[in-house]
Full PDB file with SEQRES, HELIX, SHEET, SSBOND, CRYST1, ORIGX, SCALE, CONECT and MASTER records, all heavy atoms in Angstrom:
SEQRES   1 A   31  LYS GLY LYS ASN PRO PHE LYS ASP VAL ARG VAL ARG GLU          
SEQRES   2 A   31  ALA PHE TYR ARG ALA ILE ASP ILE ASN LEU ILE ARG ASP          
SEQRES   3 A   31  ARG VAL MET ARG GLY                                          
HELIX    1 AA1 PRO A    5  LYS A    7  5                                   3    
HELIX    2 AA2 VAL A    9  ALA A   18  1                                  10    
HELIX    3 AA3 ILE A   21  LEU A   23  1                                   3    
HELIX    4 AA4 ILE A   24  VAL A   28  3                                   5    
CRYST1    1.000    1.000    1.000  90.00  90.00  90.00 P 1           1          
ORIGX1      1.000000  0.000000  0.000000        0.00000                         
ORIGX2      0.000000  1.000000  0.000000        0.00000                         
ORIGX3      0.000000  0.000000  1.000000        0.00000                         
SCALE1      1.000000  0.000000  0.000000        0.00000                         
SCALE2      0.000000  1.000000  0.000000        0.00000                         
SCALE3      0.000000  0.000000  1.000000        0.00000                         
ATOM      1  N   LYS A   1      -5.201   2.285  19.258  1.00  0.00           N  
ATOM      2  CA  LYS A   1      -4.885   1.618  20.515  1.00  0.00           C  
ATOM      3  C   LYS A   1      -5.926   0.519  20.805  1.00  0.00           C  
ATOM      4  O   LYS A   1      -7.095   0.650  20.457  1.00  0.00           O  
ATOM      5  CB  LYS A   1      -4.856   2.618  21.669  1.00  0.00           C  
ATOM      6  CG  LYS A   1      -3.840   3.760  21.476  1.00  0.00           C  
ATOM      7  CD  LYS A   1      -2.422   3.227  21.262  1.00  0.00           C  
ATOM      8  CE  LYS A   1      -1.426   4.344  20.995  1.00  0.00           C  
ATOM      9  NZ  LYS A   1      -0.084   3.804  20.685  1.00  0.00           N  
ATOM     10  N   GLY A   2      -5.440  -0.539  21.411  1.00  0.00           N  
ATOM     11  CA  GLY A   2      -6.339  -1.606  21.809  1.00  0.00           C  
ATOM     12  C   GLY A   2      -6.629  -2.636  20.747  1.00  0.00           C  
ATOM     13  O   GLY A   2      -7.290  -3.651  21.017  1.00  0.00           O  
ATOM     14  N   LYS A   3      -6.150  -2.418  19.543  1.00  0.00           N  
ATOM     15  CA  LYS A   3      -6.322  -3.408  18.485  1.00  0.00           C  
ATOM     16  C   LYS A   3      -5.294  -3.173  17.395  1.00  0.00           C  
ATOM     17  O   LYS A   3      -4.599  -2.150  17.374  1.00  0.00           O  
ATOM     18  CB  LYS A   3      -7.738  -3.363  17.904  1.00  0.00           C  
ATOM     19  CG  LYS A   3      -8.136  -2.047  17.253  1.00  0.00           C  
ATOM     20  CD  LYS A   3      -9.563  -2.166  16.699  1.00  0.00           C  
ATOM     21  CE  LYS A   3     -10.015  -0.850  16.065  1.00  0.00           C  
ATOM     22  NZ  LYS A   3     -11.375  -0.978  15.474  1.00  0.00           N  
ATOM     23  N   ASN A   4      -5.206  -4.116  16.488  1.00  0.00           N  
ATOM     24  CA  ASN A   4      -4.238  -4.059  15.393  1.00  0.00           C  
ATOM     25  C   ASN A   4      -4.987  -3.956  14.069  1.00  0.00           C  
ATOM     26  O   ASN A   4      -5.590  -4.925  13.615  1.00  0.00           O  
ATOM     27  CB  ASN A   4      -3.361  -5.312  15.413  1.00  0.00           C  
ATOM     28  CG  ASN A   4      -2.344  -5.341  14.286  1.00  0.00           C  
ATOM     29  OD1 ASN A   4      -2.382  -4.538  13.369  1.00  0.00           O  
ATOM     30  ND2 ASN A   4      -1.431  -6.299  14.358  1.00  0.00           N  
ATOM     31  N   PRO A   5      -4.961  -2.782  13.430  1.00  0.00           N  
ATOM     32  CA  PRO A   5      -5.705  -2.624  12.176  1.00  0.00           C  
ATOM     33  C   PRO A   5      -5.219  -3.555  11.063  1.00  0.00           C  
ATOM     34  O   PRO A   5      -5.990  -3.905  10.165  1.00  0.00           O  
ATOM     35  CB  PRO A   5      -5.497  -1.154  11.801  1.00  0.00           C  
ATOM     36  CG  PRO A   5      -4.278  -0.724  12.563  1.00  0.00           C  
ATOM     37  CD  PRO A   5      -4.275  -1.524  13.819  1.00  0.00           C  
ATOM     38  N   PHE A   6      -3.961  -3.997  11.129  1.00  0.00           N  
ATOM     39  CA  PHE A   6      -3.435  -4.856  10.076  1.00  0.00           C  
ATOM     40  C   PHE A   6      -3.970  -6.285  10.151  1.00  0.00           C  
ATOM     41  O   PHE A   6      -3.757  -7.078   9.223  1.00  0.00           O  
ATOM     42  CB  PHE A   6      -1.908  -4.879  10.112  1.00  0.00           C  
ATOM     43  CG  PHE A   6      -1.264  -3.591   9.644  1.00  0.00           C  
ATOM     44  CD1 PHE A   6      -0.090  -3.138  10.234  1.00  0.00           C  
ATOM     45  CD2 PHE A   6      -1.821  -2.853   8.621  1.00  0.00           C  
ATOM     46  CE1 PHE A   6       0.508  -1.964   9.804  1.00  0.00           C  
ATOM     47  CE2 PHE A   6      -1.242  -1.673   8.181  1.00  0.00           C  
ATOM     48  CZ  PHE A   6      -0.064  -1.229   8.774  1.00  0.00           C  
ATOM     49  N   LYS A   7      -4.658  -6.617  11.206  1.00  0.00           N  
ATOM     50  CA  LYS A   7      -5.302  -7.928  11.260  1.00  0.00           C  
ATOM     51  C   LYS A   7      -6.562  -7.968  10.399  1.00  0.00           C  
ATOM     52  O   LYS A   7      -7.096  -9.051  10.137  1.00  0.00           O  
ATOM     53  CB  LYS A   7      -5.646  -8.291  12.712  1.00  0.00           C  
ATOM     54  CG  LYS A   7      -4.424  -8.629  13.563  1.00  0.00           C  
ATOM     55  CD  LYS A   7      -4.817  -9.207  14.911  1.00  0.00           C  
ATOM     56  CE  LYS A   7      -3.602  -9.647  15.693  1.00  0.00           C  
ATOM     57  NZ  LYS A   7      -3.936 -10.359  16.947  1.00  0.00           N  
ATOM     58  N   ASP A   8      -7.010  -6.810   9.960  1.00  0.00           N  
ATOM     59  CA  ASP A   8      -8.192  -6.707   9.098  1.00  0.00           C  
ATOM     60  C   ASP A   8      -7.729  -6.732   7.643  1.00  0.00           C  
ATOM     61  O   ASP A   8      -6.981  -5.862   7.190  1.00  0.00           O  
ATOM     62  CB  ASP A   8      -8.933  -5.405   9.392  1.00  0.00           C  
ATOM     63  CG  ASP A   8     -10.302  -5.341   8.744  1.00  0.00           C  
ATOM     64  OD1 ASP A   8     -10.446  -5.822   7.601  1.00  0.00           O  
ATOM     65  OD2 ASP A   8     -11.232  -4.794   9.378  1.00  0.00           O  
ATOM     66  N   VAL A   9      -8.172  -7.738   6.904  1.00  0.00           N  
ATOM     67  CA  VAL A   9      -7.738  -7.898   5.526  1.00  0.00           C  
ATOM     68  C   VAL A   9      -8.116  -6.692   4.680  1.00  0.00           C  
ATOM     69  O   VAL A   9      -7.435  -6.361   3.690  1.00  0.00           O  
ATOM     70  CB  VAL A   9      -8.327  -9.197   4.921  1.00  0.00           C  
ATOM     71  CG1 VAL A   9      -9.836  -9.104   4.787  1.00  0.00           C  
ATOM     72  CG2 VAL A   9      -7.664  -9.526   3.593  1.00  0.00           C  
ATOM     73  N   ARG A  10      -9.175  -5.977   5.051  1.00  0.00           N  
ATOM     74  CA  ARG A  10      -9.577  -4.792   4.292  1.00  0.00           C  
ATOM     75  C   ARG A  10      -8.545  -3.686   4.401  1.00  0.00           C  
ATOM     76  O   ARG A  10      -8.316  -2.938   3.442  1.00  0.00           O  
ATOM     77  CB  ARG A  10     -10.947  -4.299   4.784  1.00  0.00           C  
ATOM     78  CG  ARG A  10     -12.094  -5.267   4.501  1.00  0.00           C  
ATOM     79  CD  ARG A  10     -13.368  -4.854   5.203  1.00  0.00           C  
ATOM     80  NE  ARG A  10     -13.213  -4.889   6.671  1.00  0.00           N  
ATOM     81  CZ  ARG A  10     -14.212  -4.652   7.520  1.00  0.00           C  
ATOM     82  NH1 ARG A  10     -15.438  -4.360   7.051  1.00  0.00           N  
ATOM     83  NH2 ARG A  10     -13.999  -4.709   8.825  1.00  0.00           N  
ATOM     84  N   VAL A  11      -7.918  -3.585   5.554  1.00  0.00           N  
ATOM     85  CA  VAL A  11      -6.868  -2.569   5.735  1.00  0.00           C  
ATOM     86  C   VAL A  11      -5.647  -2.922   4.887  1.00  0.00           C  
ATOM     87  O   VAL A  11      -5.049  -2.059   4.230  1.00  0.00           O  
ATOM     88  CB  VAL A  11      -6.494  -2.440   7.222  1.00  0.00           C  
ATOM     89  CG1 VAL A  11      -5.288  -1.520   7.394  1.00  0.00           C  
ATOM     90  CG2 VAL A  11      -7.679  -1.920   8.024  1.00  0.00           C  
ATOM     91  N   ARG A  12      -5.279  -4.197   4.886  1.00  0.00           N  
ATOM     92  CA  ARG A  12      -4.113  -4.610   4.091  1.00  0.00           C  
ATOM     93  C   ARG A  12      -4.376  -4.374   2.598  1.00  0.00           C  
ATOM     94  O   ARG A  12      -3.492  -3.905   1.868  1.00  0.00           O  
ATOM     95  CB  ARG A  12      -3.782  -6.079   4.356  1.00  0.00           C  
ATOM     96  CG  ARG A  12      -3.447  -6.359   5.827  1.00  0.00           C  
ATOM     97  CD  ARG A  12      -2.739  -7.692   6.017  1.00  0.00           C  
ATOM     98  NE  ARG A  12      -3.522  -8.850   5.621  1.00  0.00           N  
ATOM     99  CZ  ARG A  12      -4.365  -9.501   6.410  1.00  0.00           C  
ATOM    100  NH1 ARG A  12      -4.574  -9.078   7.659  1.00  0.00           N  
ATOM    101  NH2 ARG A  12      -5.029 -10.567   5.981  1.00  0.00           N  
ATOM    102  N   GLU A  13      -5.592  -4.696   2.158  1.00  0.00           N  
ATOM    103  CA  GLU A  13      -5.915  -4.442   0.752  1.00  0.00           C  
ATOM    104  C   GLU A  13      -5.911  -2.947   0.459  1.00  0.00           C  
ATOM    105  O   GLU A  13      -5.448  -2.512  -0.610  1.00  0.00           O  
ATOM    106  CB  GLU A  13      -7.283  -5.032   0.394  1.00  0.00           C  
ATOM    107  CG  GLU A  13      -7.653  -4.805  -1.068  1.00  0.00           C  
ATOM    108  CD  GLU A  13      -9.027  -5.337  -1.454  1.00  0.00           C  
ATOM    109  OE1 GLU A  13      -9.667  -6.014  -0.624  1.00  0.00           O  
ATOM    110  OE2 GLU A  13      -9.470  -5.050  -2.600  1.00  0.00           O  
ATOM    111  N   ALA A  14      -6.403  -2.157   1.397  1.00  0.00           N  
ATOM    112  CA  ALA A  14      -6.426  -0.702   1.194  1.00  0.00           C  
ATOM    113  C   ALA A  14      -5.014  -0.156   1.005  1.00  0.00           C  
ATOM    114  O   ALA A  14      -4.770   0.681   0.121  1.00  0.00           O  
ATOM    115  CB  ALA A  14      -7.110  -0.023   2.377  1.00  0.00           C  
ATOM    116  N   PHE A  15      -4.077  -0.608   1.829  1.00  0.00           N  
ATOM    117  CA  PHE A  15      -2.688  -0.164   1.681  1.00  0.00           C  
ATOM    118  C   PHE A  15      -2.157  -0.555   0.299  1.00  0.00           C  
ATOM    119  O   PHE A  15      -1.488   0.245  -0.379  1.00  0.00           O  
ATOM    120  CB  PHE A  15      -1.823  -0.783   2.779  1.00  0.00           C  
ATOM    121  CG  PHE A  15      -1.753   0.034   4.045  1.00  0.00           C  
ATOM    122  CD1 PHE A  15      -2.912   0.379   4.742  1.00  0.00           C  
ATOM    123  CD2 PHE A  15      -0.545   0.453   4.561  1.00  0.00           C  
ATOM    124  CE1 PHE A  15      -2.862   1.117   5.910  1.00  0.00           C  
ATOM    125  CE2 PHE A  15      -0.471   1.197   5.731  1.00  0.00           C  
ATOM    126  CZ  PHE A  15      -1.626   1.537   6.408  1.00  0.00           C  
ATOM    127  N   TYR A  16      -2.447  -1.786  -0.101  1.00  0.00           N  
ATOM    128  CA  TYR A  16      -1.999  -2.277  -1.413  1.00  0.00           C  
ATOM    129  C   TYR A  16      -2.566  -1.393  -2.527  1.00  0.00           C  
ATOM    130  O   TYR A  16      -1.848  -0.947  -3.429  1.00  0.00           O  
ATOM    131  CB  TYR A  16      -2.469  -3.727  -1.572  1.00  0.00           C  
ATOM    132  CG  TYR A  16      -1.766  -4.563  -2.615  1.00  0.00           C  
ATOM    133  CD1 TYR A  16      -1.254  -5.806  -2.280  1.00  0.00           C  
ATOM    134  CD2 TYR A  16      -1.638  -4.146  -3.940  1.00  0.00           C  
ATOM    135  CE1 TYR A  16      -0.616  -6.613  -3.220  1.00  0.00           C  
ATOM    136  CE2 TYR A  16      -1.013  -4.934  -4.897  1.00  0.00           C  
ATOM    137  CZ  TYR A  16      -0.506  -6.167  -4.525  1.00  0.00           C  
ATOM    138  OH  TYR A  16       0.121  -6.957  -5.460  1.00  0.00           O  
ATOM    139  N   ARG A  17      -3.886  -1.168  -2.467  1.00  0.00           N  
ATOM    140  CA  ARG A  17      -4.562  -0.413  -3.525  1.00  0.00           C  
ATOM    141  C   ARG A  17      -4.110   1.042  -3.597  1.00  0.00           C  
ATOM    142  O   ARG A  17      -4.188   1.673  -4.649  1.00  0.00           O  
ATOM    143  CB  ARG A  17      -6.070  -0.439  -3.280  1.00  0.00           C  
ATOM    144  CG  ARG A  17      -6.717  -1.818  -3.355  1.00  0.00           C  
ATOM    145  CD  ARG A  17      -6.914  -2.264  -4.769  1.00  0.00           C  
ATOM    146  NE  ARG A  17      -7.762  -3.460  -4.860  1.00  0.00           N  
ATOM    147  CZ  ARG A  17      -8.016  -4.107  -5.985  1.00  0.00           C  
ATOM    148  NH1 ARG A  17      -7.514  -3.665  -7.120  1.00  0.00           N  
ATOM    149  NH2 ARG A  17      -8.778  -5.194  -5.986  1.00  0.00           N  
ATOM    150  N   ALA A  18      -3.631   1.586  -2.476  1.00  0.00           N  
ATOM    151  CA  ALA A  18      -3.259   3.002  -2.426  1.00  0.00           C  
ATOM    152  C   ALA A  18      -1.889   3.282  -3.029  1.00  0.00           C  
ATOM    153  O   ALA A  18      -1.509   4.445  -3.213  1.00  0.00           O  
ATOM    154  CB  ALA A  18      -3.292   3.498  -0.980  1.00  0.00           C  
ATOM    155  N   ILE A  19      -1.131   2.223  -3.340  1.00  0.00           N  
ATOM    156  CA  ILE A  19       0.231   2.396  -3.840  1.00  0.00           C  
ATOM    157  C   ILE A  19       0.261   2.276  -5.360  1.00  0.00           C  
ATOM    158  O   ILE A  19      -0.138   1.251  -5.927  1.00  0.00           O  
ATOM    159  CB  ILE A  19       1.172   1.356  -3.193  1.00  0.00           C  
ATOM    160  CG1 ILE A  19       1.265   1.636  -1.690  1.00  0.00           C  
ATOM    161  CG2 ILE A  19       2.550   1.385  -3.841  1.00  0.00           C  
ATOM    162  CD1 ILE A  19       1.984   0.570  -0.915  1.00  0.00           C  
ATOM    163  N   ASP A  20       0.706   3.330  -6.013  1.00  0.00           N  
ATOM    164  CA  ASP A  20       0.796   3.374  -7.472  1.00  0.00           C  
ATOM    165  C   ASP A  20       2.169   2.840  -7.884  1.00  0.00           C  
ATOM    166  O   ASP A  20       3.149   3.581  -7.932  1.00  0.00           O  
ATOM    167  CB  ASP A  20       0.596   4.808  -7.961  1.00  0.00           C  
ATOM    168  CG  ASP A  20       0.492   4.919  -9.473  1.00  0.00           C  
ATOM    169  OD1 ASP A  20       0.925   3.978 -10.162  1.00  0.00           O  
ATOM    170  OD2 ASP A  20       0.002   5.959  -9.967  1.00  0.00           O  
ATOM    171  N   ILE A  21       2.242   1.552  -8.175  1.00  0.00           N  
ATOM    172  CA  ILE A  21       3.534   0.924  -8.468  1.00  0.00           C  
ATOM    173  C   ILE A  21       4.121   1.423  -9.783  1.00  0.00           C  
ATOM    174  O   ILE A  21       5.354   1.498  -9.940  1.00  0.00           O  
ATOM    175  CB  ILE A  21       3.392  -0.615  -8.488  1.00  0.00           C  
ATOM    176  CG1 ILE A  21       4.781  -1.277  -8.487  1.00  0.00           C  
ATOM    177  CG2 ILE A  21       2.572  -1.067  -9.687  1.00  0.00           C  
ATOM    178  CD1 ILE A  21       5.618  -0.979  -7.277  1.00  0.00           C  
ATOM    179  N   ASN A  22       3.277   1.818 -10.721  1.00  0.00           N  
ATOM    180  CA  ASN A  22       3.795   2.328 -11.993  1.00  0.00           C  
ATOM    181  C   ASN A  22       4.468   3.680 -11.814  1.00  0.00           C  
ATOM    182  O   ASN A  22       5.471   3.982 -12.478  1.00  0.00           O  
ATOM    183  CB  ASN A  22       2.676   2.417 -13.029  1.00  0.00           C  
ATOM    184  CG  ASN A  22       2.163   1.050 -13.442  1.00  0.00           C  
ATOM    185  OD1 ASN A  22       2.916   0.071 -13.454  1.00  0.00           O  
ATOM    186  ND2 ASN A  22       0.886   0.962 -13.772  1.00  0.00           N  
ATOM    187  N   LEU A  23       3.945   4.467 -10.888  1.00  0.00           N  
ATOM    188  CA  LEU A  23       4.566   5.752 -10.599  1.00  0.00           C  
ATOM    189  C   LEU A  23       5.925   5.547  -9.916  1.00  0.00           C  
ATOM    190  O   LEU A  23       6.890   6.266 -10.196  1.00  0.00           O  
ATOM    191  CB  LEU A  23       3.642   6.591  -9.712  1.00  0.00           C  
ATOM    192  CG  LEU A  23       4.029   8.071  -9.529  1.00  0.00           C  
ATOM    193  CD1 LEU A  23       4.028   8.797 -10.870  1.00  0.00           C  
ATOM    194  CD2 LEU A  23       3.065   8.753  -8.565  1.00  0.00           C  
ATOM    195  N   ILE A  24       5.989   4.565  -9.029  1.00  0.00           N  
ATOM    196  CA  ILE A  24       7.278   4.241  -8.407  1.00  0.00           C  
ATOM    197  C   ILE A  24       8.270   3.788  -9.472  1.00  0.00           C  
ATOM    198  O   ILE A  24       9.441   4.198  -9.472  1.00  0.00           O  
ATOM    199  CB  ILE A  24       7.091   3.152  -7.330  1.00  0.00           C  
ATOM    200  CG1 ILE A  24       6.325   3.729  -6.131  1.00  0.00           C  
ATOM    201  CG2 ILE A  24       8.437   2.595  -6.882  1.00  0.00           C  
ATOM    202  CD1 ILE A  24       6.006   2.711  -5.049  1.00  0.00           C  
ATOM    203  N   ARG A  25       7.816   2.944 -10.385  1.00  0.00           N  
ATOM    204  CA  ARG A  25       8.699   2.485 -11.468  1.00  0.00           C  
ATOM    205  C   ARG A  25       9.205   3.643 -12.315  1.00  0.00           C  
ATOM    206  O   ARG A  25      10.412   3.750 -12.600  1.00  0.00           O  
ATOM    207  CB  ARG A  25       7.942   1.490 -12.352  1.00  0.00           C  
ATOM    208  CG  ARG A  25       8.741   0.990 -13.565  1.00  0.00           C  
ATOM    209  CD  ARG A  25       7.820   0.335 -14.576  1.00  0.00           C  
ATOM    210  NE  ARG A  25       6.804   1.273 -15.060  1.00  0.00           N  
ATOM    211  CZ  ARG A  25       5.665   0.913 -15.657  1.00  0.00           C  
ATOM    212  NH1 ARG A  25       5.386  -0.363 -15.832  1.00  0.00           N  
ATOM    213  NH2 ARG A  25       4.806   1.829 -16.072  1.00  0.00           N  
ATOM    214  N   ASP A  26       8.291   4.532 -12.694  1.00  0.00           N  
ATOM    215  CA  ASP A  26       8.645   5.584 -13.647  1.00  0.00           C  
ATOM    216  C   ASP A  26       9.405   6.736 -12.998  1.00  0.00           C  
ATOM    217  O   ASP A  26      10.352   7.277 -13.605  1.00  0.00           O  
ATOM    218  CB  ASP A  26       7.381   6.118 -14.325  1.00  0.00           C  
ATOM    219  CG  ASP A  26       6.669   5.058 -15.149  1.00  0.00           C  
ATOM    220  OD1 ASP A  26       7.306   4.043 -15.491  1.00  0.00           O  
ATOM    221  OD2 ASP A  26       5.461   5.238 -15.418  1.00  0.00           O  
ATOM    222  N   ARG A  27       9.015   7.129 -11.788  1.00  0.00           N  
ATOM    223  CA  ARG A  27       9.617   8.306 -11.166  1.00  0.00           C  
ATOM    224  C   ARG A  27      10.785   7.947 -10.240  1.00  0.00           C  
ATOM    225  O   ARG A  27      11.866   8.521 -10.356  1.00  0.00           O  
ATOM    226  CB  ARG A  27       8.547   9.069 -10.374  1.00  0.00           C  
ATOM    227  CG  ARG A  27       7.386   9.575 -11.211  1.00  0.00           C  
ATOM    228  CD  ARG A  27       7.736  10.827 -12.003  1.00  0.00           C  
ATOM    229  NE  ARG A  27       6.584  11.291 -12.770  1.00  0.00           N  
ATOM    230  CZ  ARG A  27       5.617  12.081 -12.299  1.00  0.00           C  
ATOM    231  NH1 ARG A  27       5.648  12.452 -11.030  1.00  0.00           N  
ATOM    232  NH2 ARG A  27       4.619  12.467 -13.066  1.00  0.00           N  
ATOM    233  N   VAL A  28      10.553   7.015  -9.345  1.00  0.00           N  
ATOM    234  CA  VAL A  28      11.582   6.684  -8.350  1.00  0.00           C  
ATOM    235  C   VAL A  28      12.673   5.802  -8.955  1.00  0.00           C  
ATOM    236  O   VAL A  28      13.860   6.028  -8.754  1.00  0.00           O  
ATOM    237  CB  VAL A  28      10.952   5.985  -7.132  1.00  0.00           C  
ATOM    238  CG1 VAL A  28      12.033   5.644  -6.103  1.00  0.00           C  
ATOM    239  CG2 VAL A  28       9.887   6.874  -6.490  1.00  0.00           C  
ATOM    240  N   MET A  29      12.247   4.805  -9.724  1.00  0.00           N  
ATOM    241  CA  MET A  29      13.204   3.836 -10.273  1.00  0.00           C  
ATOM    242  C   MET A  29      13.636   4.173 -11.707  1.00  0.00           C  
ATOM    243  O   MET A  29      14.392   3.417 -12.317  1.00  0.00           O  
ATOM    244  CB  MET A  29      12.602   2.432 -10.226  1.00  0.00           C  
ATOM    245  CG  MET A  29      12.225   1.956  -8.833  1.00  0.00           C  
ATOM    246  SD  MET A  29      13.620   1.916  -7.693  1.00  0.00           S  
ATOM    247  CE  MET A  29      14.594   0.578  -8.387  1.00  0.00           C  
ATOM    248  N   ARG A  30      13.140   5.252 -12.237  1.00  0.00           N  
ATOM    249  CA  ARG A  30      13.535   5.731 -13.566  1.00  0.00           C  
ATOM    250  C   ARG A  30      13.421   4.643 -14.632  1.00  0.00           C  
ATOM    251  O   ARG A  30      14.252   4.501 -15.525  1.00  0.00           O  
ATOM    252  CB  ARG A  30      14.954   6.308 -13.526  1.00  0.00           C  
ATOM    253  CG  ARG A  30      15.053   7.552 -12.646  1.00  0.00           C  
ATOM    254  CD  ARG A  30      16.478   8.028 -12.517  1.00  0.00           C  
ATOM    255  NE  ARG A  30      16.532   9.222 -11.673  1.00  0.00           N  
ATOM    256  CZ  ARG A  30      16.775  10.456 -12.111  1.00  0.00           C  
ATOM    257  NH1 ARG A  30      16.993  10.669 -13.392  1.00  0.00           N  
ATOM    258  NH2 ARG A  30      16.819  11.475 -11.272  1.00  0.00           N  
ATOM    259  N   GLY A  31      12.359   3.834 -14.498  1.00  0.00           N  
ATOM    260  CA  GLY A  31      12.082   2.795 -15.470  1.00  0.00           C  
ATOM    261  C   GLY A  31      12.880   1.518 -15.276  1.00  0.00           C  
ATOM    262  O   GLY A  31      12.667   0.541 -16.000  1.00  0.00           O  
TER     263      GLY A  31                                                      
MASTER        0    0    0    4    0    0    0    6  262    1    0    3          
END                                                                             
C-alpha cells in the first residue's frame, strides 16, 4: 500500500528471473 512495487526495475527483473521459460516450454507447452 502507498506505492507501486512495479515502478522499481529490480522488482520487474526479479519477476523475469523467477520464471523458468524452459520448464513452461517442456511441461506446459509440451515442446
